[in-house]
Each structure stands twice: as C-alpha cells, then as structure tokens.
C-alpha cells in the first residue's frame, strides 16, 4: 500500500476561539476602515467583535496581510500566549530600522 504524498503534512489548523493574537500583535501598514494609517503593533484591531473574531473576515475591506496569516502550528503554538510571543518576535524581526 502506498502512503499519501500529503501524509507528512500536519492537519489544517483552525483559529483558536478567543485568541486574536494575529489581530493584536502585528502592525498593519495598509489602510482599513477606520484606520487610514493602519494599526500599530500590540493594539487590538478595532474590527474585533466581543468574541475576538474579525468582523471584516471575508470582506473586500479586510487588509491582504490579514489573509496572509493563516493559522499554523508554528505561529499559533499551544496557547494564545505562545501565539502572542511568536507574533511579537516576528514583528520585531521585520520592523523597519528607525534610522
């Protein structure tokens, strides 16, 4: 019997309820409704609802960068706290030099 060529891939990951780390930790430089200059790192996106879900999900106004951050084991870790640490490190590593 031949193994599937996809058997080595981890299963797809869904967003963790109540997490929103990817909507808080990173900065967003592209404009979005209500934020023409984007969003600074560490600030919750104003488009999160009370359950920390994106109200722009699936809408054309949603910034492209948001759609480029699908949940993954590497990014999300085992908890919201691990996801925040990972994304804060990624933000720091990709932040333009202020000089």
C-alpha atoms as a PDB file:
ATOM      1  CA  UNK A   1       0.000   0.000   0.000  1.00  0.00           C
ATOM      2  CA  UNK A   2       1.344   3.444  -0.921  1.00  0.00           C
ATOM      3  CA  UNK A   3       1.217   6.310   1.575  1.00  0.00           C
ATOM      4  CA  UNK A   4      -0.449   9.508   0.514  1.00  0.00           C
ATOM      5  CA  UNK A   5       2.004  12.186  -0.620  1.00  0.00           C
ATOM      6  CA  UNK A   6       0.306  14.528   1.840  1.00  0.00           C
ATOM      7  CA  UNK A   7       0.576  12.260   4.871  1.00  0.00           C
ATOM      8  CA  UNK A   8       3.643  14.120   6.211  1.00  0.00           C
ATOM      9  CA  UNK A   9       1.797  17.444   6.439  1.00  0.00           C
ATOM     10  CA  UNK A  10       0.212  18.440   9.740  1.00  0.00           C
ATOM     11  CA  UNK A  11      -3.567  18.713   9.646  1.00  0.00           C
ATOM     12  CA  UNK A  12      -5.060  22.112   8.810  1.00  0.00           C
ATOM     13  CA  UNK A  13      -5.441  24.336  11.833  1.00  0.00           C
ATOM     14  CA  UNK A  14      -8.495  26.413  12.690  1.00  0.00           C
ATOM     15  CA  UNK A  15      -8.352  29.655  14.623  1.00  0.00           C
ATOM     16  CA  UNK A  16      -8.386  29.194  18.379  1.00  0.00           C
ATOM     17  CA  UNK A  17     -11.591  30.693  19.823  1.00  0.00           C
ATOM     18  CA  UNK A  18     -10.907  33.804  21.895  1.00  0.00           C
ATOM     19  CA  UNK A  19      -7.320  34.187  20.673  1.00  0.00           C
ATOM     20  CA  UNK A  20      -6.978  37.043  18.135  1.00  0.00           C
ATOM     21  CA  UNK A  21      -3.195  37.157  18.636  1.00  0.00           C
ATOM     22  CA  UNK A  22      -2.787  37.793  14.901  1.00  0.00           C
ATOM     23  CA  UNK A  23      -5.208  40.746  15.217  1.00  0.00           C
ATOM     24  CA  UNK A  24      -3.303  42.299  18.116  1.00  0.00           C
ATOM     25  CA  UNK A  25       0.450  41.578  17.999  1.00  0.00           C
ATOM     26  CA  UNK A  26       1.427  42.609  14.456  1.00  0.00           C
ATOM     27  CA  UNK A  27       1.303  46.055  12.952  1.00  0.00           C
ATOM     28  CA  UNK A  28      -0.766  46.534   9.806  1.00  0.00           C
ATOM     29  CA  UNK A  29       0.584  49.171   7.438  1.00  0.00           C
ATOM     30  CA  UNK A  30      -2.243  49.056   4.903  1.00  0.00           C
ATOM     31  CA  UNK A  31      -5.319  51.221   5.399  1.00  0.00           C
ATOM     32  CA  UNK A  32      -8.572  49.689   6.558  1.00  0.00           C
ATOM     33  CA  UNK A  33     -11.977  51.078   7.519  1.00  0.00           C
ATOM     34  CA  UNK A  34     -11.481  53.466  10.421  1.00  0.00           C
ATOM     35  CA  UNK A  35      -7.688  53.203  10.296  1.00  0.00           C
ATOM     36  CA  UNK A  36      -6.391  55.022   7.204  1.00  0.00           C
ATOM     37  CA  UNK A  37      -2.796  54.758   8.509  1.00  0.00           C
ATOM     38  CA  UNK A  38      -3.099  51.107   9.527  1.00  0.00           C
ATOM     39  CA  UNK A  39      -2.699  49.665  13.024  1.00  0.00           C
ATOM     40  CA  UNK A  40       0.332  49.759  15.331  1.00  0.00           C
ATOM     41  CA  UNK A  41       1.749  46.552  16.815  1.00  0.00           C
ATOM     42  CA  UNK A  42       0.267  45.483  20.130  1.00  0.00           C
ATOM     43  CA  UNK A  43      -3.017  47.334  19.602  1.00  0.00           C
ATOM     44  CA  UNK A  44      -6.169  45.232  19.172  1.00  0.00           C
ATOM     45  CA  UNK A  45      -7.783  45.717  15.798  1.00  0.00           C
ATOM     46  CA  UNK A  46     -10.977  47.742  16.217  1.00  0.00           C
ATOM     47  CA  UNK A  47     -12.741  45.282  13.921  1.00  0.00           C
ATOM     48  CA  UNK A  48     -12.665  42.504  16.509  1.00  0.00           C
ATOM     49  CA  UNK A  49     -16.042  41.636  17.979  1.00  0.00           C
ATOM     50  CA  UNK A  50     -16.743  40.756  21.620  1.00  0.00           C
ATOM     51  CA  UNK A  51     -15.682  37.134  20.993  1.00  0.00           C
ATOM     52  CA  UNK A  52     -12.402  38.330  19.401  1.00  0.00           C
ATOM     53  CA  UNK A  53     -13.497  37.413  15.878  1.00  0.00           C
ATOM     54  CA  UNK A  54     -12.828  39.568  12.816  1.00  0.00           C
ATOM     55  CA  UNK A  55     -15.872  41.480  11.583  1.00  0.00           C
ATOM     56  CA  UNK A  56     -14.061  42.066   8.245  1.00  0.00           C
ATOM     57  CA  UNK A  57     -13.400  38.366   7.604  1.00  0.00           C
ATOM     58  CA  UNK A  58     -14.407  37.552   4.040  1.00  0.00           C
ATOM     59  CA  UNK A  59     -14.996  41.221   3.203  1.00  0.00           C
ATOM     60  CA  UNK A  60     -13.059  43.090   0.481  1.00  0.00           C
ATOM     61  CA  UNK A  61     -12.067  45.767   3.038  1.00  0.00           C
ATOM     62  CA  UNK A  62     -10.066  43.229   5.049  1.00  0.00           C
ATOM     63  CA  UNK A  63      -6.351  44.004   4.639  1.00  0.00           C
ATOM     64  CA  UNK A  64      -4.490  41.497   2.466  1.00  0.00           C
ATOM     65  CA  UNK A  65      -1.915  40.943   5.204  1.00  0.00           C
ATOM     66  CA  UNK A  66      -4.641  39.544   7.455  1.00  0.00           C
ATOM     67  CA  UNK A  67      -5.480  36.883   4.892  1.00  0.00           C
ATOM     68  CA  UNK A  68      -1.792  36.051   4.556  1.00  0.00           C
ATOM     69  CA  UNK A  69      -1.615  34.854   8.179  1.00  0.00           C
ATOM     70  CA  UNK A  70      -3.465  31.540   8.153  1.00  0.00           C
ATOM     71  CA  UNK A  71      -3.314  29.667  11.444  1.00  0.00           C
ATOM     72  CA  UNK A  72      -0.383  27.273  11.712  1.00  0.00           C
ATOM     73  CA  UNK A  73       1.151  25.159  14.466  1.00  0.00           C
ATOM     74  CA  UNK A  74       4.330  27.238  14.289  1.00  0.00           C
ATOM     75  CA  UNK A  75       2.544  30.583  14.623  1.00  0.00           C
ATOM     76  CA  UNK A  76      -0.256  29.631  16.997  1.00  0.00           C
ATOM     77  CA  UNK A  77       1.580  27.269  19.330  1.00  0.00           C
ATOM     78  CA  UNK A  78      -0.402  25.577  22.062  1.00  0.00           C
ATOM     79  CA  UNK A  79      -1.968  28.710  23.547  1.00  0.00           C
ATOM     80  CA  UNK A  80      -2.868  32.332  22.912  1.00  0.00           C
ATOM     81  CA  UNK A  81       0.178  33.339  24.972  1.00  0.00           C
ATOM     82  CA  UNK A  82       2.513  31.298  22.753  1.00  0.00           C
ATOM     83  CA  UNK A  83       0.936  32.857  19.657  1.00  0.00           C
ATOM     84  CA  UNK A  84       1.428  36.363  21.059  1.00  0.00           C
ATOM     85  CA  UNK A  85       5.110  35.681  21.821  1.00  0.00           C
ATOM     86  CA  UNK A  86       5.722  34.243  18.339  1.00  0.00           C
ATOM     87  CA  UNK A  87       3.993  37.146  16.598  1.00  0.00           C
ATOM     88  CA  UNK A  88       5.719  39.768  18.769  1.00  0.00           C
ATOM     89  CA  UNK A  89       9.082  38.248  17.841  1.00  0.00           C
ATOM     90  CA  UNK A  90       8.111  38.206  14.164  1.00  0.00           C
ATOM     91  CA  UNK A  91       7.021  41.848  14.396  1.00  0.00           C
ATOM     92  CA  UNK A  92      10.327  42.838  15.996  1.00  0.00           C
ATOM     93  CA  UNK A  93      12.333  40.897  13.408  1.00  0.00           C
ATOM     94  CA  UNK A  94      10.512  42.517  10.470  1.00  0.00           C
ATOM     95  CA  UNK A  95      10.136  46.042  11.829  1.00  0.00           C
ATOM     96  CA  UNK A  96      11.910  48.607   9.633  1.00  0.00           C
ATOM     97  CA  UNK A  97      15.025  50.138  11.178  1.00  0.00           C
ATOM     98  CA  UNK A  98      14.061  53.580  12.582  1.00  0.00           C
ATOM     99  CA  UNK A  99      17.227  55.176  11.125  1.00  0.00           C
END
